[in-house]
Amino acid sequence: MTVQILIAGFGGQGILFLGKLLAYKALIEGRELSWLPSYGPEMRGGTASCSVTISTEPVGSPIITNPDILIAMNLPSLDRYEGSVKPGGMIFTDSSLIERPVARTDVKAFAVPATRMAVEMGAPNLANMIILGNLMKQCPDLVPYENVGEALAKVVSAKHPEMAEVNLRAIKTGFGL
């Protein structure tokens, strides 16, 4: 089983953090993986994307051209990558920032008001974790909820260990949708 996930949005939305969390989670579960971050010339505000491949077999290339799952955190990302998702795939959007629905009818679309929910819970930068929680709910075999706390401990900065609990709370919020 191999699943390719493309995460895209603006720099500062936690795109690379979300990809790294998925990668550590796969490592903890003993899976093969690749993690390929990409961002524009500006770290904050420029474009950012992250390709994550999770597999039971060795991964031959980190390049993803036709993802099984797209997480689009802004409209330019949805516009750019929607057409590349495999038929039967899944598209998760932050409906707080993307007002249009997914146009394709051959994929499953999940509009999650992640930014609004993150602001309401007092953690405006954690829309990425709310989307991840919903992804875990929709894809329990691919991204099981178990081990998420252990994976968070690996990626949250040692300077801010209290953020692990805040991130976990945001994941639980998305999972509860």
Protein backbone atom coordinates (compact mmCIF):
# COMPACT_ATOMS: atom_id res chain seq x y z
CA MET A 1 0.00 0.00 0.00
CA THR A 2 1.37 3.38 -1.02
CA VAL A 3 -0.39 6.70 -0.44
CA GLN A 4 0.87 10.00 -1.74
CA ILE A 5 -0.17 13.19 0.05
CA LEU A 6 0.41 16.72 -1.24
CA ILE A 7 0.00 19.58 1.23
CA ALA A 8 -0.01 23.13 -0.16
CA GLY A 9 -0.64 26.68 1.01
CA PHE A 10 1.06 29.92 2.00
CA GLY A 11 4.26 29.98 4.01
CA GLY A 12 3.40 30.39 7.68
CA GLN A 13 0.38 28.05 7.55
CA GLY A 14 2.34 25.11 8.93
CA ILE A 15 2.53 23.21 5.64
CA LEU A 16 6.02 21.81 6.28
CA PHE A 17 5.23 21.11 9.94
CA LEU A 18 2.17 19.07 8.94
CA GLY A 19 4.23 17.10 6.43
CA LYS A 20 6.96 16.46 8.97
CA LEU A 21 4.40 15.29 11.53
CA LEU A 22 2.93 12.83 9.02
CA ALA A 23 6.46 11.59 8.25
CA TYR A 24 7.37 11.01 11.90
CA LYS A 25 4.04 9.30 12.49
CA ALA A 26 4.77 6.91 9.61
CA LEU A 27 8.26 6.23 11.00
CA ILE A 28 6.84 5.40 14.43
CA GLU A 29 4.43 2.97 12.76
CA GLY A 30 7.28 1.24 10.94
CA ARG A 31 6.29 2.39 7.46
CA GLU A 32 8.47 3.48 4.58
CA LEU A 33 8.21 7.13 3.60
CA SER A 34 9.54 10.17 1.84
CA TRP A 35 9.12 13.79 2.88
CA LEU A 36 9.93 16.54 0.38
CA PRO A 37 9.37 20.16 1.46
CA SER A 38 9.28 23.01 -1.03
CA TYR A 39 8.81 26.71 -0.44
CA GLY A 40 9.17 29.93 -2.36
CA PRO A 41 11.71 32.69 -1.78
CA GLU A 42 9.85 34.01 1.25
CA MET A 43 9.38 31.63 4.16
CA ARG A 44 6.36 33.59 5.43
CA GLY A 45 3.72 34.49 2.89
CA GLY A 46 5.33 32.79 -0.11
CA THR A 47 4.05 29.53 -1.50
CA ALA A 48 4.83 26.33 0.31
CA SER A 49 4.13 22.70 -0.43
CA CYS A 50 5.14 19.39 1.00
CA SER A 51 5.00 15.94 -0.54
CA VAL A 52 4.67 12.95 1.77
CA THR A 53 4.61 9.36 0.54
CA ILE A 54 3.70 6.67 3.06
CA SER A 55 4.15 3.06 2.02
CA THR A 56 4.61 -0.53 3.10
CA GLU A 57 7.30 -0.82 0.39
CA PRO A 58 10.46 1.25 -0.14
CA VAL A 59 9.67 4.60 -1.77
CA GLY A 60 11.47 5.08 -5.07
CA SER A 61 10.99 8.81 -5.56
CA PRO A 62 9.88 11.72 -3.37
CA ILE A 63 8.28 13.46 -6.36
CA ILE A 64 4.47 13.39 -6.39
CA THR A 65 2.70 14.33 -9.60
CA ASN A 66 -0.70 12.70 -8.98
CA PRO A 67 -1.44 12.62 -5.26
CA ASP A 68 -4.01 10.36 -3.66
CA ILE A 69 -4.75 13.11 -1.15
CA LEU A 70 -4.49 16.89 -1.52
CA ILE A 71 -4.64 19.24 1.43
CA ALA A 72 -5.17 22.75 0.04
CA MET A 73 -4.90 25.47 2.64
CA ASN A 74 -5.58 28.36 0.22
CA LEU A 75 -7.30 29.04 -3.10
CA PRO A 76 -4.15 29.28 -5.26
CA SER A 77 -3.15 25.81 -4.05
CA LEU A 78 -6.56 24.34 -4.83
CA ASP A 79 -6.54 25.99 -8.26
CA ARG A 80 -3.06 24.67 -9.00
CA TYR A 81 -3.32 21.08 -7.74
CA GLU A 82 -7.00 20.06 -7.91
CA GLY A 83 -6.66 18.63 -11.41
CA SER A 84 -3.66 16.48 -10.46
CA VAL A 85 -5.41 14.39 -7.78
CA LYS A 86 -6.00 10.77 -8.81
CA PRO A 87 -9.62 9.86 -9.61
CA GLY A 88 -11.11 8.41 -6.45
CA GLY A 89 -8.71 10.49 -4.34
CA MET A 90 -9.50 12.97 -1.61
CA ILE A 91 -9.24 16.74 -1.37
CA PHE A 92 -9.29 18.55 1.96
CA THR A 93 -9.73 22.33 1.85
CA ASP A 94 -9.73 25.08 4.46
CA SER A 95 -13.20 26.45 3.72
CA SER A 96 -12.48 29.51 5.86
CA LEU A 97 -10.06 30.67 3.17
CA ILE A 98 -11.40 28.88 0.09
CA GLU A 99 -14.92 29.92 -0.75
CA ARG A 100 -15.40 27.80 -3.85
CA PRO A 101 -16.21 24.09 -3.68
CA VAL A 102 -14.02 21.45 -5.25
CA ALA A 103 -15.08 21.30 -8.90
CA ARG A 104 -14.24 17.65 -9.53
CA THR A 105 -16.88 14.99 -9.04
CA ASP A 106 -14.55 11.98 -9.22
CA VAL A 107 -12.90 12.71 -5.85
CA LYS A 108 -14.15 12.96 -2.28
CA ALA A 109 -14.05 16.56 -1.07
CA PHE A 110 -13.93 17.69 2.56
CA ALA A 111 -14.40 21.40 3.28
CA VAL A 112 -13.13 22.05 6.79
CA PRO A 113 -13.48 25.57 8.29
CA ALA A 114 -10.05 25.09 9.85
CA THR A 115 -8.87 28.68 10.16
CA ARG A 116 -12.15 29.82 11.72
CA MET A 117 -12.08 26.92 14.16
CA ALA A 118 -8.43 27.57 15.05
CA VAL A 119 -9.20 31.23 15.79
CA GLU A 120 -12.21 30.22 17.91
CA MET A 121 -10.08 27.86 19.99
CA GLY A 122 -7.49 30.60 20.54
CA ALA A 123 -4.79 29.02 18.39
CA PRO A 124 -5.02 30.83 15.02
CA ASN A 125 -1.89 29.17 13.62
CA LEU A 126 -3.18 25.62 14.03
CA ALA A 127 -5.60 25.30 11.12
CA ASN A 128 -3.17 22.73 9.73
CA MET A 129 -3.68 20.50 12.78
CA ILE A 130 -7.47 20.79 12.53
CA ILE A 131 -7.28 19.60 8.90
CA LEU A 132 -4.99 16.76 10.02
CA GLY A 133 -7.54 15.71 12.63
CA ASN A 134 -10.23 15.53 9.97
CA LEU A 135 -7.90 13.57 7.67
CA MET A 136 -7.37 11.08 10.50
CA LYS A 137 -11.11 10.71 10.94
CA GLN A 138 -11.73 10.18 7.21
CA CYS A 139 -8.73 7.87 6.67
CA PRO A 140 -8.31 5.80 9.86
CA ASP A 141 -6.41 3.03 8.07
CA LEU A 142 -3.96 5.41 6.42
CA VAL A 143 -3.41 7.87 9.25
CA PRO A 144 -4.63 6.29 12.48
CA TYR A 145 -5.17 8.56 15.46
CA GLU A 146 -2.89 6.39 17.60
CA ASN A 147 0.72 7.56 18.00
CA VAL A 148 -0.08 11.16 17.10
CA GLY A 149 1.08 12.39 20.51
CA GLU A 150 4.36 10.52 20.16
CA ALA A 151 4.88 11.99 16.68
CA LEU A 152 4.07 15.51 17.96
CA ALA A 153 6.76 15.12 20.62
CA LYS A 154 9.28 14.58 17.80
CA VAL A 155 8.38 17.67 15.78
CA VAL A 156 7.38 20.29 18.36
CA SER A 157 10.33 22.52 19.22
CA ALA A 158 12.12 21.68 22.46
CA LYS A 159 11.92 25.42 23.25
CA HIS A 160 8.11 25.23 23.33
CA PRO A 161 7.08 21.80 24.65
CA GLU A 162 3.73 23.22 25.78
CA MET A 163 2.79 23.49 22.09
CA ALA A 164 2.50 19.71 21.84
CA GLU A 165 -0.67 19.78 23.95
CA VAL A 166 -2.12 22.74 22.02
CA ASN A 167 -1.45 20.94 18.72
CA LEU A 168 -3.04 17.76 20.07
CA ARG A 169 -6.12 19.74 21.12
CA ALA A 170 -6.42 21.14 17.57
CA ILE A 171 -6.09 17.64 16.09
CA LYS A 172 -8.85 16.41 18.42
CA THR A 173 -11.03 19.34 17.31
CA GLY A 174 -10.63 18.37 13.64
CA PHE A 175 -11.17 14.70 14.44
CA GLY A 176 -14.44 15.59 16.15
CA LEU A 177 -15.96 17.12 12.99
